[in-house]
PDB file of N, CA and C in Angstrom:
ATOM      1  N   MET A   1      -8.502  -2.593   7.156  1.00  0.00           N
ATOM      2  CA  MET A   1      -7.728  -3.398   8.077  1.00  0.00           C
ATOM      3  C   MET A   1      -7.508  -4.778   7.461  1.00  0.00           C
ATOM      4  N   PRO A   2      -6.295  -5.285   7.518  1.00  0.00           N
ATOM      5  CA  PRO A   2      -6.049  -6.635   6.993  1.00  0.00           C
ATOM      6  C   PRO A   2      -6.910  -7.666   7.721  1.00  0.00           C
ATOM      7  N   HIS A   3      -7.430  -8.628   6.978  1.00  0.00           N
ATOM      8  CA  HIS A   3      -8.392  -9.564   7.550  1.00  0.00           C
ATOM      9  C   HIS A   3      -7.829 -10.944   7.849  1.00  0.00           C
ATOM     10  N   SER A   4      -6.631 -11.231   7.391  1.00  0.00           N
ATOM     11  CA  SER A   4      -6.055 -12.540   7.681  1.00  0.00           C
ATOM     12  C   SER A   4      -4.680 -12.345   8.321  1.00  0.00           C
ATOM     13  N   PRO A   5      -4.195 -13.350   9.018  1.00  0.00           N
ATOM     14  CA  PRO A   5      -2.850 -13.233   9.610  1.00  0.00           C
ATOM     15  C   PRO A   5      -1.769 -12.966   8.559  1.00  0.00           C
ATOM     16  N   LYS A   6      -1.904 -13.561   7.389  1.00  0.00           N
ATOM     17  CA  LYS A   6      -0.932 -13.351   6.311  1.00  0.00           C
ATOM     18  C   LYS A   6      -0.951 -11.895   5.850  1.00  0.00           C
ATOM     19  N   GLU A   7      -2.160 -11.335   5.661  1.00  0.00           N
ATOM     20  CA  GLU A   7      -2.281  -9.939   5.246  1.00  0.00           C
ATOM     21  C   GLU A   7      -1.744  -9.003   6.324  1.00  0.00           C
ATOM     22  N   LYS A   8      -2.045  -9.312   7.581  1.00  0.00           N
ATOM     23  CA  LYS A   8      -1.576  -8.475   8.684  1.00  0.00           C
ATOM     24  C   LYS A   8      -0.045  -8.459   8.724  1.00  0.00           C
ATOM     25  N   LYS A   9       0.561  -9.620   8.547  1.00  0.00           N
ATOM     26  CA  LYS A   9       2.022  -9.710   8.551  1.00  0.00           C
ATOM     27  C   LYS A   9       2.612  -8.890   7.411  1.00  0.00           C
ATOM     28  N   ALA A  10       2.010  -8.974   6.229  1.00  0.00           N
ATOM     29  CA  ALA A  10       2.497  -8.229   5.072  1.00  0.00           C
ATOM     30  C   ALA A  10       2.390  -6.718   5.300  1.00  0.00           C
ATOM     31  N   VAL A  11       1.285  -6.274   5.876  1.00  0.00           N
ATOM     32  CA  VAL A  11       1.088  -4.851   6.142  1.00  0.00           C
ATOM     33  C   VAL A  11       2.105  -4.366   7.173  1.00  0.00           C
ATOM     34  N   LEU A  12       2.296  -5.127   8.235  1.00  0.00           N
ATOM     35  CA  LEU A  12       3.263  -4.722   9.256  1.00  0.00           C
ATOM     36  C   LEU A  12       4.683  -4.693   8.701  1.00  0.00           C
ATOM     37  N   THR A  13       5.008  -5.608   7.810  1.00  0.00           N
ATOM     38  CA  THR A  13       6.319  -5.606   7.172  1.00  0.00           C
ATOM     39  C   THR A  13       6.506  -4.331   6.356  1.00  0.00           C
ATOM     40  N   ARG A  14       5.482  -3.942   5.609  1.00  0.00           N
ATOM     41  CA  ARG A  14       5.553  -2.705   4.823  1.00  0.00           C
ATOM     42  C   ARG A  14       5.703  -1.485   5.730  1.00  0.00           C
ATOM     43  N   VAL A  15       4.957  -1.452   6.809  1.00  0.00           N
ATOM     44  CA  VAL A  15       5.029  -0.316   7.737  1.00  0.00           C
ATOM     45  C   VAL A  15       6.427  -0.211   8.330  1.00  0.00           C
ATOM     46  N   ARG A  16       6.997  -1.321   8.692  1.00  0.00           N
ATOM     47  CA  ARG A  16       8.355  -1.306   9.260  1.00  0.00           C
ATOM     48  C   ARG A  16       9.382  -0.848   8.228  1.00  0.00           C
ATOM     49  N   LYS A  17       9.187  -1.244   6.990  1.00  0.00           N
ATOM     50  CA  LYS A  17      10.088  -0.794   5.920  1.00  0.00           C
ATOM     51  C   LYS A  17       9.977   0.715   5.752  1.00  0.00           C
ATOM     52  N   ILE A  18       8.759   1.216   5.750  1.00  0.00           N
ATOM     53  CA  ILE A  18       8.542   2.657   5.618  1.00  0.00           C
ATOM     54  C   ILE A  18       9.166   3.402   6.796  1.00  0.00           C
ATOM     55  N   LYS A  19       9.017   2.845   7.981  1.00  0.00           N
ATOM     56  CA  LYS A  19       9.624   3.460   9.165  1.00  0.00           C
ATOM     57  C   LYS A  19      11.137   3.564   8.987  1.00  0.00           C
ATOM     58  N   GLY A  20      11.747   2.516   8.472  1.00  0.00           N
ATOM     59  CA  GLY A  20      13.187   2.535   8.214  1.00  0.00           C
ATOM     60  C   GLY A  20      13.559   3.585   7.172  1.00  0.00           C
ATOM     61  N   GLN A  21      12.733   3.697   6.141  1.00  0.00           N
ATOM     62  CA  GLN A  21      12.982   4.707   5.114  1.00  0.00           C
ATOM     63  C   GLN A  21      12.858   6.121   5.694  1.00  0.00           C
ATOM     64  N   MET A  22      11.883   6.320   6.554  1.00  0.00           N
ATOM     65  CA  MET A  22      11.707   7.627   7.187  1.00  0.00           C
ATOM     66  C   MET A  22      12.891   7.966   8.086  1.00  0.00           C
ATOM     67  N   ASN A  23      13.371   6.977   8.818  1.00  0.00           N
ATOM     68  CA  ASN A  23      14.547   7.206   9.669  1.00  0.00           C
ATOM     69  C   ASN A  23      15.764   7.566   8.820  1.00  0.00           C
ATOM     70  N   ALA A  24      15.929   6.872   7.695  1.00  0.00           N
ATOM     71  CA  ALA A  24      17.046   7.178   6.797  1.00  0.00           C
ATOM     72  C   ALA A  24      16.913   8.583   6.222  1.00  0.00           C
ATOM     73  N   LEU A  25      15.694   9.000   5.919  1.00  0.00           N
ATOM     74  CA  LEU A  25      15.463  10.348   5.417  1.00  0.00           C
ATOM     75  C   LEU A  25      15.821  11.386   6.474  1.00  0.00           C
ATOM     76  N   GLU A  26      15.423  11.130   7.697  1.00  0.00           N
ATOM     77  CA  GLU A  26      15.745  12.048   8.785  1.00  0.00           C
ATOM     78  C   GLU A  26      17.264  12.197   8.942  1.00  0.00           C
ATOM     79  N   VAL A  27      17.961  11.083   8.909  1.00  0.00           N
ATOM     80  CA  VAL A  27      19.428  11.110   9.028  1.00  0.00           C
ATOM     81  C   VAL A  27      20.032  11.901   7.863  1.00  0.00           C
ATOM     82  N   ALA A  28      19.530  11.666   6.661  1.00  0.00           N
ATOM     83  CA  ALA A  28      20.046  12.372   5.483  1.00  0.00           C
ATOM     84  C   ALA A  28      19.822  13.878   5.604  1.00  0.00           C
ATOM     85  N   LEU A  29      18.652  14.263   6.078  1.00  0.00           N
ATOM     86  CA  LEU A  29      18.365  15.689   6.233  1.00  0.00           C
ATOM     87  C   LEU A  29      19.252  16.322   7.294  1.00  0.00           C
ATOM     88  N   GLU A  30      19.434  15.610   8.392  1.00  0.00           N
ATOM     89  CA  GLU A  30      20.295  16.131   9.458  1.00  0.00           C
ATOM     90  C   GLU A  30      21.744  16.250   8.989  1.00  0.00           C
ATOM     91  N   ALA A  31      22.155  15.389   8.085  1.00  0.00           N
ATOM     92  CA  ALA A  31      23.531  15.389   7.588  1.00  0.00           C
ATOM     93  C   ALA A  31      23.708  16.306   6.366  1.00  0.00           C
ATOM     94  N   HIS A  32      22.664  17.053   6.026  1.00  0.00           N
ATOM     95  CA  HIS A  32      22.709  17.956   4.873  1.00  0.00           C
ATOM     96  C   HIS A  32      23.081  17.213   3.590  1.00  0.00           C
ATOM     97  N   ALA A  33      22.404  16.092   3.373  1.00  0.00           N
ATOM     98  CA  ALA A  33      22.660  15.273   2.177  1.00  0.00           C
ATOM     99  C   ALA A  33      22.281  16.045   0.924  1.00  0.00           C
ATOM    100  N   ASP A  34      22.812  15.593  -0.182  1.00  0.00           N
ATOM    101  CA  ASP A  34      22.516  16.177  -1.487  1.00  0.00           C
ATOM    102  C   ASP A  34      21.012  16.134  -1.756  1.00  0.00           C
ATOM    103  N   CYS A  35      20.494  17.202  -2.314  1.00  0.00           N
ATOM    104  CA  CYS A  35      19.054  17.284  -2.595  1.00  0.00           C
ATOM    105  C   CYS A  35      18.566  16.128  -3.467  1.00  0.00           C
ATOM    106  N   ARG A  36      19.378  15.727  -4.410  1.00  0.00           N
ATOM    107  CA  ARG A  36      18.994  14.634  -5.299  1.00  0.00           C
ATOM    108  C   ARG A  36      18.739  13.354  -4.503  1.00  0.00           C
ATOM    109  N   ALA A  37      19.619  13.058  -3.564  1.00  0.00           N
ATOM    110  CA  ALA A  37      19.467  11.853  -2.742  1.00  0.00           C
ATOM    111  C   ALA A  37      18.240  11.967  -1.840  1.00  0.00           C
ATOM    112  N   VAL A  38      18.013  13.156  -1.298  1.00  0.00           N
ATOM    113  CA  VAL A  38      16.848  13.370  -0.429  1.00  0.00           C
ATOM    114  C   VAL A  38      15.561  13.199  -1.234  1.00  0.00           C
ATOM    115  N   LEU A  39      15.512  13.779  -2.409  1.00  0.00           N
ATOM    116  CA  LEU A  39      14.317  13.648  -3.244  1.00  0.00           C
ATOM    117  C   LEU A  39      14.069  12.203  -3.661  1.00  0.00           C
ATOM    118  N   GLN A  40      15.133  11.489  -3.940  1.00  0.00           N
ATOM    119  CA  GLN A  40      14.998  10.079  -4.302  1.00  0.00           C
ATOM    120  C   GLN A  40      14.417   9.287  -3.119  1.00  0.00           C
ATOM    121  N   GLN A  41      14.886   9.588  -1.918  1.00  0.00           N
ATOM    122  CA  GLN A  41      14.373   8.904  -0.726  1.00  0.00           C
ATOM    123  C   GLN A  41      12.895   9.245  -0.497  1.00  0.00           C
ATOM    124  N   ILE A  42      12.543  10.501  -0.694  1.00  0.00           N
ATOM    125  CA  ILE A  42      11.137  10.906  -0.540  1.00  0.00           C
ATOM    126  C   ILE A  42      10.264  10.187  -1.561  1.00  0.00           C
ATOM    127  N   ALA A  43      10.734  10.083  -2.797  1.00  0.00           N
ATOM    128  CA  ALA A  43       9.966   9.378  -3.829  1.00  0.00           C
ATOM    129  C   ALA A  43       9.792   7.899  -3.472  1.00  0.00           C
ATOM    130  N   ALA A  44      10.838   7.295  -2.913  1.00  0.00           N
ATOM    131  CA  ALA A  44      10.741   5.890  -2.497  1.00  0.00           C
ATOM    132  C   ALA A  44       9.716   5.735  -1.374  1.00  0.00           C
ATOM    133  N   ILE A  45       9.714   6.674  -0.444  1.00  0.00           N
ATOM    134  CA  ILE A  45       8.748   6.627   0.666  1.00  0.00           C
ATOM    135  C   ILE A  45       7.323   6.783   0.131  1.00  0.00           C
ATOM    136  N   ARG A  46       7.155   7.726  -0.789  1.00  0.00           N
ATOM    137  CA  ARG A  46       5.829   7.936  -1.374  1.00  0.00           C
ATOM    138  C   ARG A  46       5.340   6.657  -2.064  1.00  0.00           C
ATOM    139  N   GLY A  47       6.228   5.996  -2.810  1.00  0.00           N
ATOM    140  CA  GLY A  47       5.854   4.739  -3.463  1.00  0.00           C
ATOM    141  C   GLY A  47       5.487   3.661  -2.464  1.00  0.00           C
ATOM    142  N   ALA A  48       6.245   3.592  -1.375  1.00  0.00           N
ATOM    143  CA  ALA A  48       5.957   2.598  -0.339  1.00  0.00           C
ATOM    144  C   ALA A  48       4.616   2.877   0.338  1.00  0.00           C
ATOM    145  N   ILE A  49       4.327   4.137   0.598  1.00  0.00           N
ATOM    146  CA  ILE A  49       3.040   4.516   1.218  1.00  0.00           C
ATOM    147  C   ILE A  49       1.893   4.177   0.271  1.00  0.00           C
ATOM    148  N   ASN A  50       2.061   4.489  -1.014  1.00  0.00           N
ATOM    149  CA  ASN A  50       1.011   4.157  -1.984  1.00  0.00           C
ATOM    150  C   ASN A  50       0.781   2.650  -2.055  1.00  0.00           C
ATOM    151  N   GLY A  51       1.865   1.881  -2.005  1.00  0.00           N
ATOM    152  CA  GLY A  51       1.728   0.425  -2.012  1.00  0.00           C
ATOM    153  C   GLY A  51       1.008  -0.080  -0.771  1.00  0.00           C
ATOM    154  N   LEU A  52       1.325   0.512   0.361  1.00  0.00           N
ATOM    155  CA  LEU A  52       0.652   0.150   1.610  1.00  0.00           C
ATOM    156  C   LEU A  52      -0.838   0.470   1.524  1.00  0.00           C
ATOM    157  N   MET A  53      -1.148   1.660   1.034  1.00  0.00           N
ATOM    158  CA  MET A  53      -2.546   2.060   0.905  1.00  0.00           C
ATOM    159  C   MET A  53      -3.292   1.124  -0.032  1.00  0.00           C
ATOM    160  N   ALA A  54      -2.678   0.792  -1.142  1.00  0.00           N
ATOM    161  CA  ALA A  54      -3.319  -0.100  -2.105  1.00  0.00           C
ATOM    162  C   ALA A  54      -3.578  -1.471  -1.500  1.00  0.00           C
ATOM    163  N   GLY A  55      -2.617  -1.989  -0.759  1.00  0.00           N
ATOM    164  CA  GLY A  55      -2.787  -3.303  -0.148  1.00  0.00           C
ATOM    165  C   GLY A  55      -3.901  -3.346   0.879  1.00  0.00           C
ATOM    166  N   VAL A  56      -3.945  -2.331   1.735  1.00  0.00           N
ATOM    167  CA  VAL A  56      -4.997  -2.283   2.765  1.00  0.00           C
ATOM    168  C   VAL A  56      -6.356  -2.072   2.113  1.00  0.00           C
ATOM    169  N   LEU A  57      -6.404  -1.198   1.129  1.00  0.00           N
ATOM    170  CA  LEU A  57      -7.666  -0.950   0.440  1.00  0.00           C
ATOM    171  C   LEU A  57      -8.145  -2.189  -0.306  1.00  0.00           C
ATOM    172  N   GLU A  58      -7.223  -2.877  -0.947  1.00  0.00           N
ATOM    173  CA  GLU A  58      -7.590  -4.104  -1.657  1.00  0.00           C
ATOM    174  C   GLU A  58      -8.149  -5.143  -0.687  1.00  0.00           C
ATOM    175  N   SER A  59      -7.518  -5.303   0.439  1.00  0.00           N
ATOM    176  CA  SER A  59      -7.994  -6.250   1.441  1.00  0.00           C
ATOM    177  C   SER A  59      -9.405  -5.887   1.893  1.00  0.00           C
ATOM    178  N   HIS A  60      -9.601  -4.607   2.139  1.00  0.00           N
ATOM    179  CA  HIS A  60     -10.923  -4.138   2.576  1.00  0.00           C
ATOM    180  C   HIS A  60     -11.978  -4.404   1.504  1.00  0.00           C
ATOM    181  N   LEU A  61     -11.655  -4.072   0.267  1.00  0.00           N
ATOM    182  CA  LEU A  61     -12.619  -4.277  -0.813  1.00  0.00           C
ATOM    183  C   LEU A  61     -12.945  -5.749  -1.002  1.00  0.00           C
ATOM    184  N   ARG A  62     -11.925  -6.580  -0.951  1.00  0.00           N
ATOM    185  CA  ARG A  62     -12.176  -8.017  -1.119  1.00  0.00           C
ATOM    186  C   ARG A  62     -13.116  -8.530  -0.020  1.00  0.00           C
ATOM    187  N   GLN A  63     -12.937  -8.042   1.181  1.00  0.00           N
ATOM    188  CA  GLN A  63     -13.786  -8.464   2.298  1.00  0.00           C
ATOM    189  C   GLN A  63     -15.213  -7.940   2.131  1.00  0.00           C
ATOM    190  N   GLU A  64     -15.334  -6.671   1.761  1.00  0.00           N
ATOM    191  CA  GLU A  64     -16.648  -6.039   1.682  1.00  0.00           C
ATOM    192  C   GLU A  64     -17.448  -6.435   0.446  1.00  0.00           C
ATOM    193  N   LEU A  65     -16.761  -6.623  -0.673  1.00  0.00           N
ATOM    194  CA  LEU A  65     -17.475  -6.869  -1.922  1.00  0.00           C
ATOM    195  C   LEU A  65     -17.899  -8.318  -2.113  1.00  0.00           C
ATOM    196  N   THR A  66     -17.432  -9.206  -1.280  1.00  0.00           N
ATOM    197  CA  THR A  66     -17.825 -10.606  -1.453  1.00  0.00           C
ATOM    198  C   THR A  66     -19.300 -10.831  -1.151  1.00  0.00           C
ATOM    199  N   ASN A  67     -19.953  -9.882  -0.518  1.00  0.00           N
ATOM    200  CA  ASN A  67     -21.364 -10.040  -0.180  1.00  0.00           C
ATOM    201  C   ASN A  67     -22.300  -9.371  -1.177  1.00  0.00           C
ATOM    202  N   ILE A  68     -21.777  -8.803  -2.253  1.00  0.00           N
ATOM    203  CA  ILE A  68     -22.615  -8.057  -3.188  1.00  0.00           C
ATOM    204  C   ILE A  68     -23.419  -8.977  -4.106  1.00  0.00           C
ATOM    205  N   HIS A  69     -22.791  -9.949  -4.725  1.00  0.00           N
ATOM    206  CA  HIS A  69     -23.453 -10.819  -5.704  1.00  0.00           C
ATOM    207  C   HIS A  69     -23.547 -12.240  -5.157  1.00  0.00           C
ATOM    208  N   PRO A  70     -24.678 -12.904  -5.396  1.00  0.00           N
ATOM    209  CA  PRO A  70     -24.781 -14.291  -4.960  1.00  0.00           C
ATOM    210  C   PRO A  70     -23.899 -15.230  -5.786  1.00  0.00           C
ATOM    211  N   ASP A  71     -23.606 -14.864  -7.028  1.00  0.00           N
ATOM    212  CA  ASP A  71     -22.789 -15.697  -7.915  1.00  0.00           C
ATOM    213  C   ASP A  71     -21.305 -15.404  -7.682  1.00  0.00           C
ATOM    214  N   PRO A  72     -20.511 -16.408  -7.288  1.00  0.00           N
ATOM    215  CA  PRO A  72     -19.089 -16.189  -7.018  1.00  0.00           C
ATOM    216  C   PRO A  72     -18.315 -15.607  -8.202  1.00  0.00           C
ATOM    217  N   ALA A  73     -18.674 -15.975  -9.417  1.00  0.00           N
ATOM    218  CA  ALA A  73     -17.982 -15.443 -10.593  1.00  0.00           C
ATOM    219  C   ALA A  73     -18.233 -13.940 -10.722  1.00  0.00           C
ATOM    220  N   GLN A  74     -19.471 -13.520 -10.478  1.00  0.00           N
ATOM    221  CA  GLN A  74     -19.790 -12.094 -10.523  1.00  0.00           C
ATOM    222  C   GLN A  74     -19.104 -11.347  -9.381  1.00  0.00           C
ATOM    223  N   GLN A  75     -19.012 -11.985  -8.227  1.00  0.00           N
ATOM    224  CA  GLN A  75     -18.298 -11.371  -7.105  1.00  0.00           C
ATOM    225  C   GLN A  75     -16.853 -11.095  -7.487  1.00  0.00           C
ATOM    226  N   GLN A  76     -16.203 -12.094  -8.038  1.00  0.00           N
ATOM    227  CA  GLN A  76     -14.797 -11.957  -8.396  1.00  0.00           C
ATOM    228  C   GLN A  76     -14.609 -10.897  -9.464  1.00  0.00           C
ATOM    229  N   ASP A  77     -15.505 -10.848 -10.452  1.00  0.00           N
ATOM    230  CA  ASP A  77     -15.425  -9.822 -11.498  1.00  0.00           C
ATOM    231  C   ASP A  77     -15.563  -8.428 -10.894  1.00  0.00           C
ATOM    232  N   SER A  78     -16.509  -8.253  -9.978  1.00  0.00           N
ATOM    233  CA  SER A  78     -16.713  -6.962  -9.328  1.00  0.00           C
ATOM    234  C   SER A  78     -15.488  -6.552  -8.526  1.00  0.00           C
ATOM    235  N   ILE A  79     -14.922  -7.487  -7.816  1.00  0.00           N
ATOM    236  CA  ILE A  79     -13.737  -7.208  -7.002  1.00  0.00           C
ATOM    237  C   ILE A  79     -12.571  -6.807  -7.898  1.00  0.00           C
ATOM    238  N   GLU A  80     -12.328  -7.588  -8.942  1.00  0.00           N
ATOM    239  CA  GLU A  80     -11.195  -7.300  -9.822  1.00  0.00           C
ATOM    240  C   GLU A  80     -11.357  -5.945 -10.511  1.00  0.00           C
ATOM    241  N   ASP A  81     -12.572  -5.604 -10.918  1.00  0.00           N
ATOM    242  CA  ASP A  81     -12.813  -4.300 -11.535  1.00  0.00           C
ATOM    243  C   ASP A  81     -12.519  -3.167 -10.561  1.00  0.00           C
ATOM    244  N   ALA A  82     -13.002  -3.300  -9.333  1.00  0.00           N
ATOM    245  CA  ALA A  82     -12.786  -2.255  -8.322  1.00  0.00           C
ATOM    246  C   ALA A  82     -11.306  -2.121  -7.985  1.00  0.00           C
ATOM    247  N   VAL A  83     -10.621  -3.222  -7.809  1.00  0.00           N
ATOM    248  CA  VAL A  83      -9.192  -3.198  -7.476  1.00  0.00           C
ATOM    249  C   VAL A  83      -8.392  -2.569  -8.615  1.00  0.00           C
ATOM    250  N   ALA A  84      -8.687  -2.930  -9.840  1.00  0.00           N
ATOM    251  CA  ALA A  84      -7.966  -2.361 -10.989  1.00  0.00           C
ATOM    252  C   ALA A  84      -8.169  -0.855 -11.074  1.00  0.00           C
ATOM    253  N   LEU A  85      -9.385  -0.420 -10.871  1.00  0.00           N
ATOM    254  CA  LEU A  85      -9.679   1.008 -10.917  1.00  0.00           C
ATOM    255  C   LEU A  85      -8.931   1.762  -9.822  1.00  0.00           C
ATOM    256  N   ILE A  86      -8.961   1.250  -8.624  1.00  0.00           N
ATOM    257  CA  ILE A  86      -8.308   1.920  -7.500  1.00  0.00           C
ATOM    258  C   ILE A  86      -6.797   1.912  -7.668  1.00  0.00           C
ATOM    259  N   ARG A  87      -6.243   0.811  -8.114  1.00  0.00           N
ATOM    260  CA  ARG A  87      -4.786   0.759  -8.333  1.00  0.00           C
ATOM    261  C   ARG A  87      -4.350   1.789  -9.379  1.00  0.00           C
ATOM    262  N   THR A  88      -5.201   2.030 -10.367  1.00  0.00           N
ATOM    263  CA  THR A  88      -4.885   3.028 -11.377  1.00  0.00           C
ATOM    264  C   THR A  88      -4.740   4.407 -10.736  1.00  0.00           C
ATOM    265  N   TYR A  89      -5.616   4.738  -9.830  1.00  0.00           N
ATOM    266  CA  TYR A  89      -5.594   6.073  -9.204  1.00  0.00           C
ATOM    267  C   TYR A  89      -4.529   6.214  -8.143  1.00  0.00           C
ATOM    268  N   LEU A  90      -4.026   5.107  -7.611  1.00  0.00           N
ATOM    269  CA  LEU A  90      -3.013   5.186  -6.560  1.00  0.00           C
ATOM    270  C   LEU A  90      -1.595   5.239  -7.116  1.00  0.00           C
ATOM    271  N   ARG A  91      -1.414   5.111  -8.393  1.00  0.00           N
ATOM    272  CA  ARG A  91      -0.057   5.147  -8.971  1.00  0.00           C
ATOM    273  C   ARG A  91       0.459   6.539  -9.090  1.00  0.00           C
TER     274      ARG A  91
END
């Protein structure tokens, strides 16, 4: 869950964008759009969902991992390592 008002706004903006993409996909399917266009829209939605997941997960990790190390530099290193690893798997 986003932990700051700025993060919450960003997540809601992404969700609304995805909702718009889903509505456009529905319209395209109902209109018997070309498969190429439909697949492109699905790929865009998948990318948007992955970006949303990465953002929420990053926010969660940053919140949770700040309590692991007493040294702020070690905290930041741990957070950056975890975020980089997770972003690699979400692509």
